Amino acid sequence: MAESEESGSPKYHSNRRTSPAAFLLGFLREPRQVGSVIPSSRFLEQRIVEASNLSAARRVIELGPGTGGTTRTFLRHLGQDAKLLSIELSPYFHELLGEITDPRFTNHLGSAEDIADILALHDMGQPDVVISGIPFSKMPEGVATRVAQAVKDNLAEGGRFIAYQFCRDVAWITDPIMGAPASCRLELRNIPPMRVYSWFKTADD
C-alpha cells in the first residue's frame, strides 16, 4: 500500500512486514543486534525527531533502522531535497528496508564502523545528523568505540549525534570521544523506556 508524506513531499511505499511481528522475528533471529522486542513507539519517534531537528537537516544517517518504522517517520519530517542513508547490519532487516521506495532514501547493508567508506560509496557528503538505534550495551567495547569514533570523524561541524538507548553504555563509550551529551531525555511511553542522548560536533572537536 502507498503511504503519503507531508504536503509537498514525495510518496513512498509501506508493507505489513514492518509490523511488530516482523520486528520480533528479527529480534529472535539476531538478538544481539536488536535493542527491543517491539518497534519504537510514536512518542519515542517524536522525541527523536525533535532532538534531531530533522526539518532543517539535509543529510541524515540512521544506524540500525530495524524494520523501518523510524525510517518512515524520519522521511515524513525531512525536506524534499534531503537524503537519508540507513546502515543496517542484519540482512533480514535490510531486506525489509528495501520496500521503502522514497527517492531520498538509500538502504545499505553493512557495519556502522565503516561510515566513511559507505558515504564515499554513495557519493554522500558529511551528514548533519546521525541517529543510532544500535544497542551499544550489546556491542563488544572495541566495536562500540569504533562506531562512536566513526560518527565523530564523519559528522559535519555543528552536526548532531542522536542515540536512543535503554541502557547508559552509549554515554560512557561516546563521552570520551565527543564530550558529555548536550542532553539526555527519558521517554517512558515506550517499551522498554528509552533515553534519547544528543551530542553536537563543535569546531573544538
N, C-alpha and C. Protein backbone atom coordinates (compact mmCIF):
# COMPACT_ATOMS: atom_id res chain seq x y z
N MET A 1 0.83 -1.17 0.00
CA MET A 1 0.00 0.00 0.00
C MET A 1 0.87 1.23 0.00
N ALA A 2 0.39 2.35 -0.50
CA ALA A 2 1.15 3.59 -0.53
C ALA A 2 0.83 4.43 0.67
N GLU A 3 1.86 5.08 1.22
CA GLU A 3 1.69 5.97 2.36
C GLU A 3 2.22 7.33 1.97
N SER A 4 1.44 8.39 2.16
CA SER A 4 1.83 9.72 1.72
C SER A 4 2.71 10.39 2.73
N GLU A 5 3.61 11.25 2.22
CA GLU A 5 4.40 12.12 3.07
C GLU A 5 3.57 13.33 3.45
N GLU A 6 4.18 14.26 4.18
CA GLU A 6 3.53 15.51 4.46
C GLU A 6 3.36 16.28 3.16
N SER A 7 2.52 17.28 3.15
CA SER A 7 2.20 18.03 1.96
C SER A 7 3.45 18.48 1.21
N GLY A 8 3.47 18.22 -0.10
CA GLY A 8 4.58 18.67 -0.92
C GLY A 8 5.75 17.72 -0.99
N SER A 9 5.74 16.65 -0.19
CA SER A 9 6.85 15.70 -0.18
C SER A 9 6.54 14.50 -1.05
N PRO A 10 7.56 13.71 -1.42
CA PRO A 10 7.33 12.54 -2.26
C PRO A 10 6.52 11.48 -1.53
N LYS A 11 6.07 10.49 -2.27
CA LYS A 11 5.37 9.35 -1.69
C LYS A 11 6.32 8.17 -1.64
N TYR A 12 6.08 7.28 -0.69
CA TYR A 12 6.86 6.05 -0.63
C TYR A 12 5.93 4.93 -0.24
N HIS A 13 6.38 3.71 -0.41
CA HIS A 13 5.52 2.56 -0.19
C HIS A 13 5.87 1.85 1.10
N SER A 14 4.83 1.39 1.78
CA SER A 14 4.98 0.67 3.04
C SER A 14 4.58 -0.78 2.82
N ASN A 15 4.73 -1.60 3.87
CA ASN A 15 4.38 -3.00 3.75
C ASN A 15 4.10 -3.53 5.16
N ARG A 16 3.23 -4.49 5.25
CA ARG A 16 2.86 -5.04 6.57
C ARG A 16 4.02 -5.76 7.24
N ARG A 17 5.06 -6.09 6.50
CA ARG A 17 6.19 -6.79 7.12
C ARG A 17 6.96 -5.89 8.09
N THR A 18 6.61 -4.59 8.16
CA THR A 18 7.23 -3.71 9.14
C THR A 18 6.41 -3.70 10.44
N SER A 19 5.60 -4.72 10.66
CA SER A 19 4.75 -4.84 11.83
C SER A 19 5.55 -5.29 13.05
N PRO A 20 4.95 -5.20 14.27
CA PRO A 20 5.63 -5.71 15.46
C PRO A 20 6.04 -7.18 15.33
N ALA A 21 5.24 -7.98 14.61
CA ALA A 21 5.60 -9.39 14.44
C ALA A 21 6.91 -9.53 13.66
N ALA A 22 7.10 -8.69 12.65
CA ALA A 22 8.35 -8.73 11.88
C ALA A 22 9.52 -8.29 12.74
N PHE A 23 9.29 -7.30 13.59
CA PHE A 23 10.36 -6.84 14.49
C PHE A 23 10.75 -7.93 15.47
N LEU A 24 9.74 -8.61 16.03
CA LEU A 24 10.01 -9.70 16.98
C LEU A 24 10.79 -10.81 16.30
N LEU A 25 10.43 -11.13 15.05
CA LEU A 25 11.16 -12.17 14.33
C LEU A 25 12.62 -11.77 14.15
N GLY A 26 12.85 -10.50 13.85
CA GLY A 26 14.23 -10.03 13.72
C GLY A 26 14.99 -10.14 15.03
N PHE A 27 14.33 -9.84 16.13
CA PHE A 27 14.95 -9.96 17.45
C PHE A 27 15.32 -11.41 17.74
N LEU A 28 14.42 -12.34 17.41
CA LEU A 28 14.67 -13.75 17.67
C LEU A 28 15.80 -14.28 16.79
N ARG A 29 15.92 -13.75 15.58
CA ARG A 29 16.98 -14.19 14.67
C ARG A 29 18.35 -13.67 15.11
N GLU A 30 18.39 -12.39 15.51
CA GLU A 30 19.67 -11.76 15.83
C GLU A 30 19.53 -10.89 17.07
N PRO A 31 19.35 -11.51 18.25
CA PRO A 31 19.07 -10.75 19.47
C PRO A 31 20.17 -9.78 19.88
N ARG A 32 21.41 -10.03 19.50
CA ARG A 32 22.50 -9.13 19.90
C ARG A 32 22.52 -7.85 19.08
N GLN A 33 21.76 -7.80 18.00
CA GLN A 33 21.74 -6.62 17.16
C GLN A 33 20.49 -5.77 17.36
N VAL A 34 19.57 -6.23 18.21
CA VAL A 34 18.29 -5.54 18.38
C VAL A 34 18.11 -5.19 19.84
N GLY A 35 17.72 -3.95 20.12
CA GLY A 35 17.63 -3.48 21.50
C GLY A 35 16.28 -3.70 22.15
N SER A 36 15.28 -4.15 21.39
CA SER A 36 13.94 -4.31 21.94
C SER A 36 13.21 -5.39 21.14
N VAL A 37 12.14 -5.93 21.74
CA VAL A 37 11.37 -6.96 21.03
C VAL A 37 10.23 -6.34 20.24
N ILE A 38 9.96 -5.05 20.40
CA ILE A 38 8.90 -4.38 19.64
C ILE A 38 9.45 -3.06 19.08
N PRO A 39 8.83 -2.54 18.01
CA PRO A 39 9.31 -1.29 17.42
C PRO A 39 9.14 -0.10 18.35
N SER A 40 9.79 0.99 18.01
CA SER A 40 9.70 2.23 18.80
C SER A 40 8.28 2.78 18.77
N SER A 41 7.85 3.37 19.88
CA SER A 41 6.53 3.98 19.95
C SER A 41 6.53 5.32 19.22
N ARG A 42 5.36 5.83 18.89
CA ARG A 42 5.26 7.12 18.23
C ARG A 42 5.76 8.24 19.13
N PHE A 43 5.67 8.05 20.45
CA PHE A 43 6.17 9.06 21.39
C PHE A 43 7.69 9.13 21.34
N LEU A 44 8.33 7.96 21.29
CA LEU A 44 9.79 7.94 21.18
C LEU A 44 10.23 8.52 19.83
N GLU A 45 9.53 8.13 18.77
CA GLU A 45 9.87 8.66 17.45
C GLU A 45 9.79 10.18 17.42
N GLN A 46 8.75 10.74 18.03
CA GLN A 46 8.60 12.19 18.05
C GLN A 46 9.73 12.85 18.83
N ARG A 47 10.13 12.23 19.93
CA ARG A 47 11.23 12.79 20.73
C ARG A 47 12.54 12.77 19.93
N ILE A 48 12.76 11.71 19.16
CA ILE A 48 13.95 11.63 18.33
C ILE A 48 13.92 12.70 17.24
N VAL A 49 12.76 12.87 16.61
CA VAL A 49 12.61 13.88 15.56
C VAL A 49 12.91 15.27 16.11
N GLU A 50 12.41 15.57 17.29
CA GLU A 50 12.64 16.88 17.88
C GLU A 50 14.11 17.08 18.23
N ALA A 51 14.74 16.05 18.79
CA ALA A 51 16.15 16.16 19.17
C ALA A 51 17.03 16.30 17.94
N SER A 52 16.62 15.73 16.82
CA SER A 52 17.42 15.73 15.60
C SER A 52 17.23 16.99 14.76
N ASN A 53 16.15 17.73 15.00
CA ASN A 53 15.81 18.90 14.17
C ASN A 53 15.81 18.50 12.69
N LEU A 54 15.08 17.44 12.38
CA LEU A 54 15.12 16.85 11.05
C LEU A 54 14.63 17.79 9.96
N SER A 55 13.72 18.68 10.27
CA SER A 55 13.19 19.56 9.23
C SER A 55 14.27 20.45 8.63
N ALA A 56 15.36 20.67 9.39
CA ALA A 56 16.46 21.51 8.91
C ALA A 56 17.62 20.70 8.35
N ALA A 57 17.58 19.39 8.49
CA ALA A 57 18.70 18.53 8.07
C ALA A 57 18.65 18.28 6.56
N ARG A 58 19.82 18.10 5.98
CA ARG A 58 19.91 17.80 4.54
C ARG A 58 20.51 16.42 4.29
N ARG A 59 21.38 15.97 5.15
CA ARG A 59 21.98 14.64 5.01
C ARG A 59 21.91 13.95 6.36
N VAL A 60 21.23 12.81 6.40
CA VAL A 60 20.98 12.10 7.65
C VAL A 60 21.39 10.64 7.49
N ILE A 61 22.04 10.11 8.51
CA ILE A 61 22.35 8.68 8.57
C ILE A 61 21.57 8.07 9.72
N GLU A 62 20.94 6.94 9.46
CA GLU A 62 20.28 6.17 10.52
C GLU A 62 21.02 4.85 10.68
N LEU A 63 21.54 4.61 11.88
CA LEU A 63 22.25 3.38 12.20
C LEU A 63 21.30 2.41 12.88
N GLY A 64 21.17 1.21 12.35
CA GLY A 64 20.30 0.22 12.95
C GLY A 64 18.83 0.56 12.84
N PRO A 65 18.28 0.76 11.64
CA PRO A 65 16.89 1.17 11.48
C PRO A 65 15.86 0.07 11.71
N GLY A 66 16.28 -1.19 11.81
CA GLY A 66 15.33 -2.27 12.08
C GLY A 66 14.38 -2.47 10.92
N THR A 67 13.08 -2.57 11.21
CA THR A 67 12.09 -2.83 10.16
C THR A 67 11.72 -1.60 9.37
N GLY A 68 12.17 -0.42 9.80
CA GLY A 68 11.93 0.79 9.02
C GLY A 68 10.83 1.69 9.53
N GLY A 69 10.28 1.39 10.70
CA GLY A 69 9.24 2.27 11.26
C GLY A 69 9.77 3.67 11.53
N THR A 70 10.94 3.74 12.19
CA THR A 70 11.54 5.05 12.46
C THR A 70 11.96 5.71 11.15
N THR A 71 12.44 4.91 10.20
CA THR A 71 12.88 5.44 8.91
C THR A 71 11.74 6.17 8.22
N ARG A 72 10.58 5.57 8.20
CA ARG A 72 9.42 6.20 7.57
C ARG A 72 9.02 7.49 8.29
N THR A 73 9.12 7.48 9.61
CA THR A 73 8.82 8.69 10.36
C THR A 73 9.81 9.79 10.01
N PHE A 74 11.08 9.46 9.93
CA PHE A 74 12.10 10.46 9.59
C PHE A 74 11.85 11.04 8.20
N LEU A 75 11.48 10.20 7.25
CA LEU A 75 11.21 10.67 5.90
C LEU A 75 10.04 11.65 5.86
N ARG A 76 9.07 11.44 6.73
CA ARG A 76 7.93 12.36 6.77
C ARG A 76 8.33 13.76 7.23
N HIS A 77 9.44 13.85 7.96
CA HIS A 77 9.86 15.14 8.52
C HIS A 77 11.01 15.79 7.75
N LEU A 78 11.62 15.06 6.83
CA LEU A 78 12.72 15.61 6.05
C LEU A 78 12.21 16.40 4.86
N GLY A 79 13.00 17.39 4.43
CA GLY A 79 12.65 18.17 3.26
C GLY A 79 12.81 17.39 1.97
N GLN A 80 12.28 17.94 0.88
CA GLN A 80 12.31 17.23 -0.40
C GLN A 80 13.72 17.06 -0.94
N ASP A 81 14.63 17.95 -0.57
CA ASP A 81 16.00 17.87 -1.09
C ASP A 81 16.94 17.17 -0.11
N ALA A 82 16.40 16.59 0.95
CA ALA A 82 17.22 15.89 1.94
C ALA A 82 17.52 14.47 1.47
N LYS A 83 18.52 13.86 2.11
CA LYS A 83 18.87 12.47 1.83
C LYS A 83 18.96 11.72 3.16
N LEU A 84 18.45 10.49 3.16
CA LEU A 84 18.52 9.62 4.34
C LEU A 84 19.20 8.31 3.94
N LEU A 85 20.30 8.02 4.60
CA LEU A 85 21.06 6.78 4.36
C LEU A 85 20.94 5.89 5.59
N SER A 86 20.42 4.68 5.40
CA SER A 86 20.37 3.73 6.51
C SER A 86 21.55 2.77 6.40
N ILE A 87 22.11 2.41 7.54
CA ILE A 87 23.18 1.41 7.61
C ILE A 87 22.69 0.31 8.55
N GLU A 88 22.42 -0.84 7.98
CA GLU A 88 21.84 -1.95 8.73
C GLU A 88 22.71 -3.19 8.58
N LEU A 89 23.06 -3.80 9.70
CA LEU A 89 23.94 -4.97 9.70
C LEU A 89 23.18 -6.27 9.43
N SER A 90 21.89 -6.30 9.74
CA SER A 90 21.10 -7.51 9.60
C SER A 90 20.55 -7.67 8.18
N PRO A 91 20.88 -8.76 7.48
CA PRO A 91 20.31 -8.98 6.14
C PRO A 91 18.78 -9.04 6.16
N TYR A 92 18.21 -9.57 7.24
CA TYR A 92 16.75 -9.67 7.34
C TYR A 92 16.13 -8.28 7.37
N PHE A 93 16.61 -7.40 8.24
CA PHE A 93 16.08 -6.05 8.30
C PHE A 93 16.40 -5.26 7.02
N HIS A 94 17.59 -5.49 6.47
CA HIS A 94 17.96 -4.81 5.22
C HIS A 94 16.97 -5.13 4.11
N GLU A 95 16.52 -6.37 4.05
CA GLU A 95 15.54 -6.76 3.03
C GLU A 95 14.21 -6.03 3.25
N LEU A 96 13.78 -5.93 4.50
CA LEU A 96 12.53 -5.20 4.79
C LEU A 96 12.65 -3.73 4.39
N LEU A 97 13.80 -3.13 4.67
CA LEU A 97 14.01 -1.73 4.34
C LEU A 97 13.98 -1.50 2.84
N GLY A 98 14.27 -2.54 2.06
CA GLY A 98 14.22 -2.42 0.61
C GLY A 98 12.84 -2.14 0.08
N GLU A 99 11.82 -2.29 0.92
CA GLU A 99 10.45 -2.00 0.49
C GLU A 99 10.14 -0.50 0.50
N ILE A 100 11.01 0.30 1.09
CA ILE A 100 10.82 1.75 1.09
C ILE A 100 11.35 2.29 -0.24
N THR A 101 10.48 2.92 -1.02
CA THR A 101 10.86 3.36 -2.36
C THR A 101 10.97 4.87 -2.48
N ASP A 102 11.08 5.56 -1.37
CA ASP A 102 11.26 7.01 -1.40
C ASP A 102 12.59 7.33 -2.09
N PRO A 103 12.59 8.23 -3.08
CA PRO A 103 13.83 8.53 -3.81
C PRO A 103 14.90 9.19 -2.96
N ARG A 104 14.52 9.71 -1.79
CA ARG A 104 15.51 10.34 -0.91
C ARG A 104 16.25 9.32 -0.06
N PHE A 105 15.80 8.07 -0.10
CA PHE A 105 16.29 7.04 0.82
C PHE A 105 17.28 6.09 0.15
N THR A 106 18.39 5.80 0.85
CA THR A 106 19.37 4.81 0.41
C THR A 106 19.51 3.75 1.49
N ASN A 107 19.41 2.50 1.11
CA ASN A 107 19.41 1.36 2.02
C ASN A 107 20.73 0.61 1.87
N HIS A 108 21.59 0.63 2.91
CA HIS A 108 22.90 0.00 2.80
C HIS A 108 23.05 -1.12 3.83
N LEU A 109 23.52 -2.28 3.37
CA LEU A 109 23.82 -3.40 4.26
C LEU A 109 25.29 -3.33 4.63
N GLY A 110 25.58 -3.13 5.91
CA GLY A 110 26.96 -3.03 6.33
C GLY A 110 27.08 -2.63 7.79
N SER A 111 28.32 -2.32 8.19
CA SER A 111 28.61 -2.00 9.58
C SER A 111 28.75 -0.50 9.79
N ALA A 112 28.27 -0.02 10.92
CA ALA A 112 28.39 1.40 11.27
C ALA A 112 29.85 1.80 11.47
N GLU A 113 30.73 0.84 11.66
CA GLU A 113 32.16 1.16 11.77
C GLU A 113 32.71 1.74 10.47
N ASP A 114 32.03 1.46 9.36
CA ASP A 114 32.55 1.81 8.04
C ASP A 114 31.84 3.02 7.44
N ILE A 115 31.42 3.97 8.27
CA ILE A 115 30.65 5.11 7.78
C ILE A 115 31.37 5.84 6.66
N ALA A 116 32.67 6.10 6.82
CA ALA A 116 33.41 6.86 5.81
C ALA A 116 33.35 6.18 4.45
N ASP A 117 33.60 4.88 4.41
CA ASP A 117 33.58 4.15 3.14
C ASP A 117 32.17 4.12 2.54
N ILE A 118 31.16 3.99 3.40
CA ILE A 118 29.78 3.93 2.93
C ILE A 118 29.35 5.27 2.35
N LEU A 119 29.72 6.36 3.00
CA LEU A 119 29.42 7.69 2.47
C LEU A 119 30.06 7.88 1.10
N ALA A 120 31.32 7.46 0.99
CA ALA A 120 32.02 7.60 -0.29
C ALA A 120 31.36 6.75 -1.37
N LEU A 121 30.94 5.54 -1.02
CA LEU A 121 30.31 4.64 -1.98
C LEU A 121 29.05 5.25 -2.57
N HIS A 122 28.29 5.95 -1.73
CA HIS A 122 27.01 6.52 -2.17
C HIS A 122 27.13 8.00 -2.54
N ASP A 123 28.37 8.49 -2.64
CA ASP A 123 28.62 9.87 -3.06
C ASP A 123 27.82 10.85 -2.20
N MET A 124 27.90 10.66 -0.90
CA MET A 124 27.15 11.48 0.05
C MET A 124 28.13 12.22 0.94
N GLY A 125 27.92 13.51 1.12
CA GLY A 125 28.79 14.31 1.96
C GLY A 125 28.59 14.05 3.43
N GLN A 126 29.29 14.81 4.26
CA GLN A 126 29.18 14.63 5.71
C GLN A 126 27.75 14.88 6.18
N PRO A 127 27.22 14.01 7.03
CA PRO A 127 25.84 14.17 7.49
C PRO A 127 25.69 15.28 8.52
N ASP A 128 24.52 15.92 8.49
CA ASP A 128 24.15 16.89 9.52
C ASP A 128 23.73 16.18 10.80
N VAL A 129 23.15 14.99 10.62
CA VAL A 129 22.61 14.24 11.75
C VAL A 129 22.93 12.77 11.58
N VAL A 130 23.35 12.13 12.66
CA VAL A 130 23.46 10.67 12.73
C VAL A 130 22.56 10.21 13.87
N ILE A 131 21.63 9.32 13.56
CA ILE A 131 20.69 8.79 14.54
C ILE A 131 20.98 7.31 14.73
N SER A 132 21.17 6.89 15.96
CA SER A 132 21.52 5.50 16.21
C SER A 132 20.52 4.80 17.12
N GLY A 133 19.98 3.70 16.61
CA GLY A 133 19.17 2.82 17.44
C GLY A 133 19.92 1.54 17.77
N ILE A 134 21.19 1.47 17.37
CA ILE A 134 22.01 0.29 17.67
C ILE A 134 22.20 0.18 19.18
N PRO A 135 21.95 -0.97 19.77
CA PRO A 135 22.13 -1.12 21.22
C PRO A 135 23.61 -1.21 21.60
N PHE A 136 24.18 -0.11 22.03
CA PHE A 136 25.60 -0.09 22.41
C PHE A 136 25.88 -1.07 23.54
N SER A 137 24.89 -1.35 24.37
CA SER A 137 25.08 -2.26 25.50
C SER A 137 25.33 -3.70 25.05
N LYS A 138 24.98 -4.02 23.80
CA LYS A 138 25.15 -5.38 23.30
C LYS A 138 26.39 -5.52 22.41
N MET A 139 27.09 -4.42 22.16
CA MET A 139 28.29 -4.47 21.32
C MET A 139 29.53 -4.80 22.14
N PRO A 140 30.50 -5.49 21.56
CA PRO A 140 31.82 -5.55 22.20
C PRO A 140 32.34 -4.13 22.35
N GLU A 141 33.06 -3.86 23.43
CA GLU A 141 33.50 -2.50 23.71
C GLU A 141 34.33 -1.91 22.56
N GLY A 142 35.19 -2.71 21.96
CA GLY A 142 36.02 -2.22 20.86
C GLY A 142 35.18 -1.78 19.68
N VAL A 143 34.16 -2.56 19.35
CA VAL A 143 33.27 -2.20 18.23
C VAL A 143 32.51 -0.93 18.54
N ALA A 144 31.96 -0.84 19.76
CA ALA A 144 31.20 0.35 20.15
C ALA A 144 32.06 1.60 20.08
N THR A 145 33.30 1.50 20.53
CA THR A 145 34.21 2.65 20.48
C THR A 145 34.50 3.06 19.04
N ARG A 146 34.70 2.08 18.17
CA ARG A 146 34.97 2.40 16.76
C ARG A 146 33.76 3.03 16.09
N VAL A 147 32.57 2.61 16.45
CA VAL A 147 31.36 3.22 15.90
C VAL A 147 31.25 4.67 16.34
N ALA A 148 31.44 4.93 17.64
CA ALA A 148 31.37 6.30 18.15
C ALA A 148 32.42 7.19 17.49
N GLN A 149 33.63 6.64 17.30
CA GLN A 149 34.69 7.42 16.65
C GLN A 149 34.35 7.70 15.19
N ALA A 150 33.76 6.71 14.51
CA ALA A 150 33.38 6.89 13.11
C ALA A 150 32.30 7.96 12.98
N VAL A 151 31.38 8.00 13.93
CA VAL A 151 30.35 9.04 13.92
C VAL A 151 30.99 10.42 14.04
N LYS A 152 31.87 10.58 15.02
CA LYS A 152 32.52 11.87 15.21
C LYS A 152 33.34 12.28 14.00
N ASP A 153 34.11 11.36 13.45
CA ASP A 153 35.01 11.67 12.34
C ASP A 153 34.25 12.11 11.09
N ASN A 154 33.04 11.61 10.90
CA ASN A 154 32.32 11.87 9.66
C ASN A 154 31.18 12.86 9.79
N LEU A 155 30.81 13.21 11.00
CA LEU A 155 29.74 14.17 11.22
C LEU A 155 30.20 15.58 10.82
N ALA A 156 29.33 16.34 10.15
CA ALA A 156 29.67 17.70 9.77
C ALA A 156 29.83 18.57 11.02
N GLU A 157 30.64 19.60 10.91
CA GLU A 157 30.81 20.53 12.03
C GLU A 157 29.44 21.14 12.37
N GLY A 158 29.12 21.13 13.65
CA GLY A 158 27.81 21.59 14.09
C GLY A 158 26.74 20.53 14.00
N GLY A 159 27.12 19.33 13.52
CA GLY A 159 26.15 18.24 13.37
C GLY A 159 25.77 17.61 14.69
N ARG A 160 24.73 16.81 14.64
CA ARG A 160 24.17 16.17 15.84
C ARG A 160 24.29 14.66 15.77
N PHE A 161 24.64 14.06 16.89
CA PHE A 161 24.59 12.61 17.05
C PHE A 161 23.50 12.32 18.06
N ILE A 162 22.47 11.61 17.63
CA ILE A 162 21.34 11.26 18.48
C ILE A 162 21.33 9.75 18.67
N ALA A 163 21.32 9.30 19.91
CA ALA A 163 21.28 7.86 20.19
C ALA A 163 20.15 7.58 21.17
N TYR A 164 19.25 6.68 20.79
CA TYR A 164 18.17 6.28 21.71
C TYR A 164 18.46 4.87 22.21
N GLN A 165 18.55 4.76 23.53
CA GLN A 165 19.06 3.55 24.18
C GLN A 165 18.29 3.27 25.47
N PHE A 166 18.20 1.99 25.83
CA PHE A 166 17.58 1.66 27.11
C PHE A 166 18.62 1.51 28.22
N CYS A 167 19.90 1.41 27.85
CA CYS A 167 20.99 1.38 28.83
C CYS A 167 21.89 2.60 28.62
N ARG A 168 22.75 2.88 29.60
CA ARG A 168 23.59 4.07 29.57
C ARG A 168 24.95 3.85 28.90
N ASP A 169 25.19 2.67 28.37
CA ASP A 169 26.50 2.34 27.82
C ASP A 169 26.97 3.33 26.76
N VAL A 170 26.05 3.83 25.93
CA VAL A 170 26.43 4.75 24.87
C VAL A 170 27.11 5.99 25.42
N ALA A 171 26.72 6.42 26.63
CA ALA A 171 27.31 7.63 27.21
C ALA A 171 28.76 7.39 27.61
N TRP A 172 29.05 6.30 28.31
CA TRP A 172 30.44 6.11 28.72
C TRP A 172 31.34 5.71 27.56
N ILE A 173 30.74 5.25 26.45
CA ILE A 173 31.53 4.98 25.24
C ILE A 173 31.78 6.28 24.48
N THR A 174 30.76 7.11 24.33
CA THR A 174 30.83 8.30 23.48
C THR A 174 31.41 9.51 24.19
N ASP A 175 31.21 9.65 25.48
CA ASP A 175 31.69 10.83 26.22
C ASP A 175 33.18 11.10 26.03
N PRO A 176 34.07 10.08 26.12
CA PRO A 176 35.49 10.36 25.92
C PRO A 176 35.83 10.82 24.51
N ILE A 177 34.94 10.55 23.56
CA ILE A 177 35.19 10.88 22.15
C ILE A 177 34.56 12.20 21.77
N MET A 178 33.34 12.46 22.24
CA MET A 178 32.61 13.67 21.85
C MET A 178 32.26 14.58 23.02
N GLY A 179 32.70 14.21 24.21
CA GLY A 179 32.36 15.01 25.38
C GLY A 179 31.02 14.60 25.96
N ALA A 180 30.63 15.24 27.03
CA ALA A 180 29.35 14.93 27.68
C ALA A 180 28.19 15.28 26.75
N PRO A 181 27.10 14.52 26.79
CA PRO A 181 25.96 14.83 25.92
C PRO A 181 25.36 16.18 26.23
N ALA A 182 24.85 16.84 25.20
CA ALA A 182 24.19 18.13 25.39
C ALA A 182 22.88 17.95 26.14
N SER A 183 22.26 16.78 25.96
CA SER A 183 21.01 16.50 26.66
C SER A 183 20.79 15.00 26.71
N CYS A 184 19.96 14.59 27.66
CA CYS A 184 19.53 13.20 27.78
C CYS A 184 18.09 13.21 28.29
N ARG A 185 17.16 12.78 27.47
CA ARG A 185 15.74 12.79 27.81
C ARG A 185 15.23 11.36 27.93
N LEU A 186 14.48 11.09 28.98
CA LEU A 186 13.90 9.77 29.19
C LEU A 186 12.47 9.75 28.65
N GLU A 187 12.20 8.81 27.74
CA GLU A 187 10.85 8.63 27.22
C GLU A 187 10.26 7.36 27.84
N LEU A 188 9.28 7.57 28.73
CA LEU A 188 8.67 6.45 29.43
C LEU A 188 7.59 5.77 28.60
N ARG A 189 7.06 6.47 27.60
CA ARG A 189 5.96 5.92 26.79
C ARG A 189 6.53 5.07 25.64
N ASN A 190 7.34 4.13 26.04
CA ASN A 190 7.95 3.19 25.09
C ASN A 190 8.27 1.92 25.86
N ILE A 191 8.29 0.79 25.18
CA ILE A 191 8.64 -0.48 25.82
C ILE A 191 9.89 -1.03 25.14
N PRO A 192 11.03 -1.05 25.87
CA PRO A 192 11.23 -0.51 27.22
C PRO A 192 11.39 1.01 27.17
N PRO A 193 11.31 1.70 28.32
CA PRO A 193 11.61 3.13 28.33
C PRO A 193 12.99 3.40 27.74
N MET A 194 13.11 4.50 27.00
CA MET A 194 14.36 4.79 26.29
C MET A 194 14.87 6.18 26.66
N ARG A 195 16.21 6.27 26.72
CA ARG A 195 16.86 7.57 26.86
C ARG A 195 17.29 8.05 25.48
N VAL A 196 17.05 9.32 25.21
CA VAL A 196 17.46 9.91 23.94
C VAL A 196 18.60 10.88 24.24
N TYR A 197 19.81 10.50 23.81
CA TYR A 197 21.01 11.30 24.04
C TYR A 197 21.29 12.17 22.82
N SER A 198 21.83 13.37 23.07
CA SER A 198 22.21 14.28 21.99
C SER A 198 23.64 14.78 22.21
N TRP A 199 24.45 14.68 21.17
CA TRP A 199 25.79 15.28 21.16
C TRP A 199 25.88 16.22 19.96
N PHE A 200 26.71 17.27 20.07
CA PHE A 200 26.96 18.17 18.97
C PHE A 200 28.45 18.15 18.67
N LYS A 201 28.80 18.17 17.39
CA LYS A 201 30.21 18.25 16.99
C LYS A 201 30.57 19.72 16.82
N THR A 202 31.50 20.19 17.61
CA THR A 202 31.92 21.58 17.57
C THR A 202 33.25 21.71 16.84
N ALA A 203 33.65 22.95 16.58
CA ALA A 203 34.94 23.21 15.95
C ALA A 203 36.08 22.67 16.80
N ASP A 204 35.93 22.72 18.12
CA ASP A 204 36.96 22.21 19.02
C ASP A 204 37.16 20.72 18.86
N ASP A 205 36.09 20.01 18.48
CA ASP A 205 36.20 18.57 18.29
C ASP A 205 37.13 18.23 17.14
